[in-house]
Amino acid sequence: MKSKIIKLLNLIRFRIIGTILLSITITVNAIEATAPNIDYIFIIPILVMGTILLWPLIRGRRIVSRIYRKSMSKYKSRLKVYLYFILGFHNKLVGIPIKQKSMFGWVNLCISIIGSVSILSWMYINNISIWIFIFTLVLSIYRVLKVIYS
């Protein structure tokens, strides 16, 4: 049962993040396309796609609210609960203990750190755009945290 709850939370998290990225993309493209006189008709596709993508959140809101009430009473910090949700550490929210790392886990962690450092240094040396650099930095930190806590 707990694994099904974790899959539901992952689905909801990816759909929320996807909806936010889709909304930002549509908004920026529409503003660039109609630069002198902004037309707000681009909000309709955002609402339609947001409704489609967030439907499981509407369906599973009781389960999600129950999980967050329990985690709020456990951690006593709304910020911690939100960070665990956004970073995908649903095992901690549901209460599944995290096992000690095996040799494979430590190798995976080392490869993630070495890969992240090498990609970021290559991007810095080659003067890649600051937005792509920041996005890759956040993604690298996320990957390392995910390897540590999984």
C-alpha atoms as a PDB file:
ATOM      1  CA  MET A   1       0.000   0.000   0.000  1.00  0.00           C
ATOM      2  CA  LYS A   2       2.810   2.404   0.847  1.00  0.00           C
ATOM      3  CA  SER A   3       4.438   1.883  -2.546  1.00  0.00           C
ATOM      4  CA  LYS A   4       1.163   2.818  -4.270  1.00  0.00           C
ATOM      5  CA  ILE A   5       0.984   5.993  -2.192  1.00  0.00           C
ATOM      6  CA  ILE A   6       4.576   6.851  -3.138  1.00  0.00           C
ATOM      7  CA  LYS A   7       3.774   6.304  -6.838  1.00  0.00           C
ATOM      8  CA  LEU A   8       0.734   8.590  -6.501  1.00  0.00           C
ATOM      9  CA  LEU A   9       2.826  11.295  -4.825  1.00  0.00           C
ATOM     10  CA  ASN A  10       5.476  11.032  -7.554  1.00  0.00           C
ATOM     11  CA  LEU A  11       2.805  11.311 -10.241  1.00  0.00           C
ATOM     12  CA  ILE A  12       1.319  14.381  -8.588  1.00  0.00           C
ATOM     13  CA  ARG A  13       4.755  15.987  -8.127  1.00  0.00           C
ATOM     14  CA  PHE A  14       5.751  15.473 -11.752  1.00  0.00           C
ATOM     15  CA  ARG A  15       2.420  16.785 -12.964  1.00  0.00           C
ATOM     16  CA  ILE A  16       2.629  19.908 -10.801  1.00  0.00           C
ATOM     17  CA  ILE A  17       6.181  20.636 -11.967  1.00  0.00           C
ATOM     18  CA  GLY A  18       5.206  19.896 -15.587  1.00  0.00           C
ATOM     19  CA  THR A  19       2.216  22.213 -15.395  1.00  0.00           C
ATOM     20  CA  ILE A  20       4.322  25.029 -13.975  1.00  0.00           C
ATOM     21  CA  LEU A  21       6.992  24.612 -16.677  1.00  0.00           C
ATOM     22  CA  LEU A  22       4.340  24.394 -19.405  1.00  0.00           C
ATOM     23  CA  SER A  23       2.647  27.558 -18.125  1.00  0.00           C
ATOM     24  CA  ILE A  24       5.922  29.466 -18.028  1.00  0.00           C
ATOM     25  CA  THR A  25       6.844  28.300 -21.538  1.00  0.00           C
ATOM     26  CA  ILE A  26       3.472  29.199 -23.054  1.00  0.00           C
ATOM     27  CA  THR A  27       3.432  32.582 -21.296  1.00  0.00           C
ATOM     28  CA  VAL A  28       6.954  33.570 -22.342  1.00  0.00           C
ATOM     29  CA  ASN A  29       6.404  32.460 -25.942  1.00  0.00           C
ATOM     30  CA  ALA A  30       3.106  34.317 -26.166  1.00  0.00           C
ATOM     31  CA  ILE A  31       4.579  37.498 -24.714  1.00  0.00           C
ATOM     32  CA  GLU A  32       7.520  37.331 -27.135  1.00  0.00           C
ATOM     33  CA  ALA A  33       5.226  36.697 -30.105  1.00  0.00           C
ATOM     34  CA  THR A  34       2.921  39.621 -29.319  1.00  0.00           C
ATOM     35  CA  ALA A  35       5.551  41.969 -27.883  1.00  0.00           C
ATOM     36  CA  PRO A  36       4.184  45.453 -28.653  1.00  0.00           C
ATOM     37  CA  ASN A  37       0.565  44.728 -27.747  1.00  0.00           C
ATOM     38  CA  ILE A  38       0.207  41.724 -25.460  1.00  0.00           C
ATOM     39  CA  ASP A  39      -2.810  39.527 -26.145  1.00  0.00           C
ATOM     40  CA  TYR A  40      -3.970  37.428 -23.196  1.00  0.00           C
ATOM     41  CA  ILE A  41      -5.633  34.683 -25.250  1.00  0.00           C
ATOM     42  CA  PHE A  42      -2.670  32.393 -24.389  1.00  0.00           C
ATOM     43  CA  ILE A  43      -4.187  31.820 -20.929  1.00  0.00           C
ATOM     44  CA  ILE A  44      -6.805  29.436 -22.397  1.00  0.00           C
ATOM     45  CA  PRO A  45      -4.287  26.698 -23.387  1.00  0.00           C
ATOM     46  CA  ILE A  46      -2.653  27.021 -19.967  1.00  0.00           C
ATOM     47  CA  LEU A  47      -5.981  26.430 -18.231  1.00  0.00           C
ATOM     48  CA  VAL A  48      -6.899  23.490 -20.476  1.00  0.00           C
ATOM     49  CA  MET A  49      -3.529  21.742 -20.139  1.00  0.00           C
ATOM     50  CA  GLY A  50      -3.357  22.514 -16.426  1.00  0.00           C
ATOM     51  CA  THR A  51      -6.755  20.922 -15.859  1.00  0.00           C
ATOM     52  CA  ILE A  52      -5.737  17.803 -17.776  1.00  0.00           C
ATOM     53  CA  LEU A  53      -2.368  17.477 -16.062  1.00  0.00           C
ATOM     54  CA  LEU A  54      -3.608  18.155 -12.527  1.00  0.00           C
ATOM     55  CA  TRP A  55      -6.668  15.884 -12.593  1.00  0.00           C
ATOM     56  CA  PRO A  56      -4.990  13.151 -10.441  1.00  0.00           C
ATOM     57  CA  LEU A  57      -4.313  15.804  -7.805  1.00  0.00           C
ATOM     58  CA  ILE A  58      -8.025  16.556  -7.651  1.00  0.00           C
ATOM     59  CA  ARG A  59      -8.813  12.821  -7.484  1.00  0.00           C
ATOM     60  CA  GLY A  60      -6.277  11.982  -4.778  1.00  0.00           C
ATOM     61  CA  ARG A  61      -6.590  15.056  -2.602  1.00  0.00           C
ATOM     62  CA  ARG A  62      -7.887  13.158   0.461  1.00  0.00           C
ATOM     63  CA  ILE A  63      -4.941  10.774   0.477  1.00  0.00           C
ATOM     64  CA  VAL A  64      -2.483  13.600  -0.075  1.00  0.00           C
ATOM     65  CA  SER A  65      -4.014  15.791   2.634  1.00  0.00           C
ATOM     66  CA  ARG A  66      -3.915  12.899   5.122  1.00  0.00           C
ATOM     67  CA  ILE A  67      -0.244  12.236   4.339  1.00  0.00           C
ATOM     68  CA  TYR A  68       0.645  15.900   4.767  1.00  0.00           C
ATOM     69  CA  ARG A  69      -1.248  16.226   8.030  1.00  0.00           C
ATOM     70  CA  LYS A  70       0.730  13.273   9.408  1.00  0.00           C
ATOM     71  CA  SER A  71       4.022  14.663   8.115  1.00  0.00           C
ATOM     72  CA  MET A  72       3.268  18.125   9.482  1.00  0.00           C
ATOM     73  CA  SER A  73       2.696  16.636  12.925  1.00  0.00           C
ATOM     74  CA  LYS A  74       5.871  14.543  12.581  1.00  0.00           C
ATOM     75  CA  TYR A  75       8.265  17.233  11.285  1.00  0.00           C
ATOM     76  CA  LYS A  76       6.555  20.341  12.742  1.00  0.00           C
ATOM     77  CA  SER A  77       7.790  22.386   9.787  1.00  0.00           C
ATOM     78  CA  ARG A  78       5.860  23.241   6.663  1.00  0.00           C
ATOM     79  CA  LEU A  79       9.092  24.105   4.832  1.00  0.00           C
ATOM     80  CA  LYS A  80      10.575  20.637   5.472  1.00  0.00           C
ATOM     81  CA  VAL A  81       7.426  18.918   4.237  1.00  0.00           C
ATOM     82  CA  TYR A  82       7.325  21.040   1.075  1.00  0.00           C
ATOM     83  CA  LEU A  83      11.022  20.433   0.398  1.00  0.00           C
ATOM     84  CA  TYR A  84      10.619  16.680   0.868  1.00  0.00           C
ATOM     85  CA  PHE A  85       7.682  16.743  -1.543  1.00  0.00           C
ATOM     86  CA  ILE A  86       9.377  18.865  -4.211  1.00  0.00           C
ATOM     87  CA  LEU A  87      12.648  16.913  -4.029  1.00  0.00           C
ATOM     88  CA  GLY A  88      10.763  13.611  -4.189  1.00  0.00           C
ATOM     89  CA  PHE A  89      11.637  12.153  -0.793  1.00  0.00           C
ATOM     90  CA  HIS A  90       8.214  10.602  -0.358  1.00  0.00           C
ATOM     91  CA  ASN A  91       9.637   7.688   1.628  1.00  0.00           C
ATOM     92  CA  LYS A  92      10.304  10.077   4.492  1.00  0.00           C
ATOM     93  CA  LEU A  93       6.800  11.548   4.275  1.00  0.00           C
ATOM     94  CA  VAL A  94       5.054   8.162   4.231  1.00  0.00           C
ATOM     95  CA  GLY A  95       7.310   6.725   6.923  1.00  0.00           C
ATOM     96  CA  ILE A  96       9.270   4.050   5.064  1.00  0.00           C
ATOM     97  CA  PRO A  97      12.729   3.853   6.648  1.00  0.00           C
ATOM     98  CA  ILE A  98      15.659   4.552   4.353  1.00  0.00           C
ATOM     99  CA  LYS A  99      18.102   1.622   4.256  1.00  0.00           C
ATOM    100  CA  GLN A 100      21.848   1.876   4.534  1.00  0.00           C
ATOM    101  CA  LYS A 101      23.671   2.207   1.232  1.00  0.00           C
ATOM    102  CA  SER A 102      25.112  -0.860  -0.422  1.00  0.00           C
ATOM    103  CA  MET A 103      28.354  -0.809  -2.394  1.00  0.00           C
ATOM    104  CA  PHE A 104      26.356  -0.152  -5.564  1.00  0.00           C
ATOM    105  CA  GLY A 105      24.722   2.880  -3.948  1.00  0.00           C
ATOM    106  CA  TRP A 106      28.079   4.388  -2.972  1.00  0.00           C
ATOM    107  CA  VAL A 107      29.451   3.815  -6.476  1.00  0.00           C
ATOM    108  CA  ASN A 108      26.344   5.491  -7.914  1.00  0.00           C
ATOM    109  CA  LEU A 109      26.814   8.438  -5.536  1.00  0.00           C
ATOM    110  CA  CYS A 110      30.474   8.861  -6.546  1.00  0.00           C
ATOM    111  CA  ILE A 111      29.618   8.689 -10.253  1.00  0.00           C
ATOM    112  CA  SER A 112      26.841  11.268  -9.763  1.00  0.00           C
ATOM    113  CA  ILE A 113      29.133  13.688  -7.952  1.00  0.00           C
ATOM    114  CA  ILE A 114      32.004  13.275 -10.430  1.00  0.00           C
ATOM    115  CA  GLY A 115      29.633  13.628 -13.394  1.00  0.00           C
ATOM    116  CA  SER A 116      27.973  16.711 -11.933  1.00  0.00           C
ATOM    117  CA  VAL A 117      31.278  18.422 -11.189  1.00  0.00           C
ATOM    118  CA  SER A 118      32.704  17.625 -14.631  1.00  0.00           C
ATOM    119  CA  ILE A 119      29.582  18.824 -16.489  1.00  0.00           C
ATOM    120  CA  LEU A 120      29.389  22.035 -14.450  1.00  0.00           C
ATOM    121  CA  SER A 121      33.088  22.796 -14.913  1.00  0.00           C
ATOM    122  CA  TRP A 122      32.834  22.147 -18.664  1.00  0.00           C
ATOM    123  CA  MET A 123      29.838  24.502 -18.880  1.00  0.00           C
ATOM    124  CA  TYR A 124      31.677  27.195 -16.914  1.00  0.00           C
ATOM    125  CA  ILE A 125      34.800  26.942 -19.071  1.00  0.00           C
ATOM    126  CA  ASN A 126      32.834  27.130 -22.338  1.00  0.00           C
ATOM    127  CA  ASN A 127      30.760  30.180 -21.260  1.00  0.00           C
ATOM    128  CA  ILE A 128      27.386  28.473 -21.482  1.00  0.00           C
ATOM    129  CA  SER A 129      24.361  30.692 -20.800  1.00  0.00           C
ATOM    130  CA  ILE A 130      23.807  31.491 -17.127  1.00  0.00           C
ATOM    131  CA  TRP A 131      20.221  30.159 -17.173  1.00  0.00           C
ATOM    132  CA  ILE A 132      21.286  26.787 -18.538  1.00  0.00           C
ATOM    133  CA  PHE A 133      24.139  26.736 -16.021  1.00  0.00           C
ATOM    134  CA  ILE A 134      21.797  27.454 -13.089  1.00  0.00           C
ATOM    135  CA  PHE A 135      19.281  24.857 -14.312  1.00  0.00           C
ATOM    136  CA  THR A 136      22.037  22.237 -14.608  1.00  0.00           C
ATOM    137  CA  LEU A 137      23.377  23.175 -11.174  1.00  0.00           C
ATOM    138  CA  VAL A 138      19.954  22.680  -9.583  1.00  0.00           C
ATOM    139  CA  LEU A 139      19.504  19.410 -11.482  1.00  0.00           C
ATOM    140  CA  SER A 140      22.930  18.181 -10.326  1.00  0.00           C
ATOM    141  CA  ILE A 141      22.192  19.009  -6.693  1.00  0.00           C
ATOM    142  CA  TYR A 142      18.846  17.241  -7.013  1.00  0.00           C
ATOM    143  CA  ARG A 143      20.481  14.122  -8.495  1.00  0.00           C
ATOM    144  CA  VAL A 144      23.063  13.942  -5.717  1.00  0.00           C
ATOM    145  CA  LEU A 145      20.395  14.383  -3.020  1.00  0.00           C
ATOM    146  CA  LYS A 146      18.215  11.761  -4.689  1.00  0.00           C
ATOM    147  CA  VAL A 147      21.106   9.274  -4.727  1.00  0.00           C
ATOM    148  CA  ILE A 148      21.899   9.993  -1.073  1.00  0.00           C
ATOM    149  CA  TYR A 149      18.330   9.480   0.150  1.00  0.00           C
ATOM    150  CA  SER A 150      17.304   6.556  -2.064  1.00  0.00           C
END
